[in-house]
Amino acid sequence: MDVVAVLQKAYQDELQDALRAERAAEGVPYPHLRALLQEVAARERAHAEALAEALRRRGGLPSPHAQGGGGGVGGPGAPPLREGV
């Protein structure tokens, strides 16, 4: 697997982690726990953005969609991703 493919997979994983944390935060009735999950989501999105920049520097294009059309981030039923991520 080449560097761009590894970065792309890591990018998709970070976005998926951010979405999971965001979804979990929506269902938590306790404000302090919701805030913690939102912080986790923000950190995961920052990780994804750093990976996206590394991909761009190597000529790759960050894609939120898993190779092969699997049920990855941005798949059917997934909430829209923030612009620029």
C-alpha atoms as a PDB file:
ATOM      1  CA  MET A   1       0.000   0.000   0.000  1.00  0.00           C
ATOM      2  CA  ASP A   2       1.436   3.387  -0.942  1.00  0.00           C
ATOM      3  CA  VAL A   3       1.663   6.460   1.278  1.00  0.00           C
ATOM      4  CA  VAL A   4      -1.322   8.195  -0.338  1.00  0.00           C
ATOM      5  CA  ALA A   5      -3.516   5.128   0.222  1.00  0.00           C
ATOM      6  CA  VAL A   6      -2.450   4.910   3.877  1.00  0.00           C
ATOM      7  CA  LEU A   7      -3.165   8.619   4.378  1.00  0.00           C
ATOM      8  CA  GLN A   8      -6.543   8.280   2.643  1.00  0.00           C
ATOM      9  CA  LYS A   9      -7.549   5.386   4.915  1.00  0.00           C
ATOM     10  CA  ALA A  10      -6.406   7.283   8.017  1.00  0.00           C
ATOM     11  CA  TYR A  11      -8.350  10.364   6.827  1.00  0.00           C
ATOM     12  CA  GLN A  12     -11.516   8.308   6.401  1.00  0.00           C
ATOM     13  CA  ASP A  13     -11.032   6.689   9.814  1.00  0.00           C
ATOM     14  CA  GLU A  14     -10.640  10.067  11.533  1.00  0.00           C
ATOM     15  CA  LEU A  15     -13.781  11.407   9.862  1.00  0.00           C
ATOM     16  CA  GLN A  16     -15.683   8.307  10.883  1.00  0.00           C
ATOM     17  CA  ASP A  17     -14.502   8.706  14.478  1.00  0.00           C
ATOM     18  CA  ALA A  18     -15.614  12.352  14.450  1.00  0.00           C
ATOM     19  CA  LEU A  19     -19.052  11.392  13.159  1.00  0.00           C
ATOM     20  CA  ARG A  20     -19.409   8.693  15.800  1.00  0.00           C
ATOM     21  CA  ALA A  21     -18.532  11.138  18.571  1.00  0.00           C
ATOM     22  CA  GLU A  22     -20.937  13.745  17.168  1.00  0.00           C
ATOM     23  CA  ARG A  23     -23.771  11.233  16.963  1.00  0.00           C
ATOM     24  CA  ALA A  24     -23.052   9.988  20.469  1.00  0.00           C
ATOM     25  CA  ALA A  25     -23.049  13.563  21.780  1.00  0.00           C
ATOM     26  CA  GLU A  26     -26.498  14.166  20.318  1.00  0.00           C
ATOM     27  CA  GLY A  27     -27.961  11.372  22.400  1.00  0.00           C
ATOM     28  CA  VAL A  28     -26.325  12.173  25.737  1.00  0.00           C
ATOM     29  CA  PRO A  29     -28.639  13.880  28.223  1.00  0.00           C
ATOM     30  CA  TYR A  30     -25.791  15.098  30.447  1.00  0.00           C
ATOM     31  CA  PRO A  31     -24.271  18.441  29.326  1.00  0.00           C
ATOM     32  CA  HIS A  32     -20.795  17.732  30.722  1.00  0.00           C
ATOM     33  CA  LEU A  33     -20.578  14.395  28.873  1.00  0.00           C
ATOM     34  CA  ARG A  34     -22.017  15.924  25.712  1.00  0.00           C
ATOM     35  CA  ALA A  35     -19.323  18.611  25.856  1.00  0.00           C
ATOM     36  CA  LEU A  36     -16.600  15.982  26.232  1.00  0.00           C
ATOM     37  CA  LEU A  37     -17.861  14.066  23.204  1.00  0.00           C
ATOM     38  CA  GLN A  38     -18.030  17.284  21.196  1.00  0.00           C
ATOM     39  CA  GLU A  39     -14.400  17.981  22.129  1.00  0.00           C
ATOM     40  CA  VAL A  40     -13.436  14.503  20.946  1.00  0.00           C
ATOM     41  CA  ALA A  41     -15.275  15.110  17.673  1.00  0.00           C
ATOM     42  CA  ALA A  42     -13.478  18.427  17.157  1.00  0.00           C
ATOM     43  CA  ARG A  43     -10.080  16.787  17.785  1.00  0.00           C
ATOM     44  CA  GLU A  44     -10.876  13.990  15.351  1.00  0.00           C
ATOM     45  CA  ARG A  45     -11.887  16.514  12.696  1.00  0.00           C
ATOM     46  CA  ALA A  46      -8.619  18.394  13.286  1.00  0.00           C
ATOM     47  CA  HIS A  47      -6.733  15.120  12.807  1.00  0.00           C
ATOM     48  CA  ALA A  48      -8.661  14.536   9.583  1.00  0.00           C
ATOM     49  CA  GLU A  49      -7.795  18.018   8.329  1.00  0.00           C
ATOM     50  CA  ALA A  50      -4.090  17.444   9.041  1.00  0.00           C
ATOM     51  CA  LEU A  51      -4.266  14.191   7.088  1.00  0.00           C
ATOM     52  CA  ALA A  52      -6.135  15.938   4.265  1.00  0.00           C
ATOM     53  CA  GLU A  53      -3.342  18.505   4.043  1.00  0.00           C
ATOM     54  CA  ALA A  54      -0.734  15.734   3.939  1.00  0.00           C
ATOM     55  CA  LEU A  55      -2.727  14.073   1.137  1.00  0.00           C
ATOM     56  CA  ARG A  56      -2.878  17.313  -0.858  1.00  0.00           C
ATOM     57  CA  ARG A  57       0.886  17.827  -0.479  1.00  0.00           C
ATOM     58  CA  ARG A  58       1.397  14.377  -2.012  1.00  0.00           C
ATOM     59  CA  GLY A  59      -1.000  15.006  -4.884  1.00  0.00           C
ATOM     60  CA  GLY A  60      -3.917  13.073  -3.391  1.00  0.00           C
ATOM     61  CA  LEU A  61      -7.456  14.277  -2.955  1.00  0.00           C
ATOM     62  CA  PRO A  62      -9.125  13.653   0.409  1.00  0.00           C
ATOM     63  CA  SER A  63     -12.282  11.600  -0.079  1.00  0.00           C
ATOM     64  CA  PRO A  64     -14.731  10.879   2.717  1.00  0.00           C
ATOM     65  CA  HIS A  65     -15.894   7.783   0.842  1.00  0.00           C
ATOM     66  CA  ALA A  66     -14.310   4.409   1.424  1.00  0.00           C
ATOM     67  CA  GLN A  67     -12.689   2.700  -1.534  1.00  0.00           C
ATOM     68  CA  GLY A  68     -14.970   0.145  -3.120  1.00  0.00           C
ATOM     69  CA  GLY A  69     -18.177   1.941  -2.090  1.00  0.00           C
ATOM     70  CA  GLY A  70     -18.449   0.267   1.303  1.00  0.00           C
ATOM     71  CA  GLY A  71     -20.518   1.746   4.075  1.00  0.00           C
ATOM     72  CA  GLY A  72     -17.824   4.209   5.087  1.00  0.00           C
ATOM     73  CA  VAL A  73     -18.119   7.839   6.043  1.00  0.00           C
ATOM     74  CA  GLY A  74     -20.578   9.707   3.875  1.00  0.00           C
ATOM     75  CA  GLY A  75     -22.425   6.515   2.962  1.00  0.00           C
ATOM     76  CA  PRO A  76     -26.176   6.190   2.821  1.00  0.00           C
ATOM     77  CA  GLY A  77     -27.822   7.622   5.896  1.00  0.00           C
ATOM     78  CA  ALA A  78     -24.701   9.431   7.084  1.00  0.00           C
ATOM     79  CA  PRO A  79     -25.006  13.104   7.982  1.00  0.00           C
ATOM     80  CA  PRO A  80     -23.308  15.550   5.627  1.00  0.00           C
ATOM     81  CA  LEU A  81     -19.686  16.349   6.363  1.00  0.00           C
ATOM     82  CA  ARG A  82     -18.517  19.857   7.088  1.00  0.00           C
ATOM     83  CA  GLU A  83     -17.248  21.747   4.047  1.00  0.00           C
ATOM     84  CA  GLY A  84     -13.484  21.836   3.707  1.00  0.00           C
ATOM     85  CA  VAL A  85     -12.870  18.612   5.604  1.00  0.00           C
END
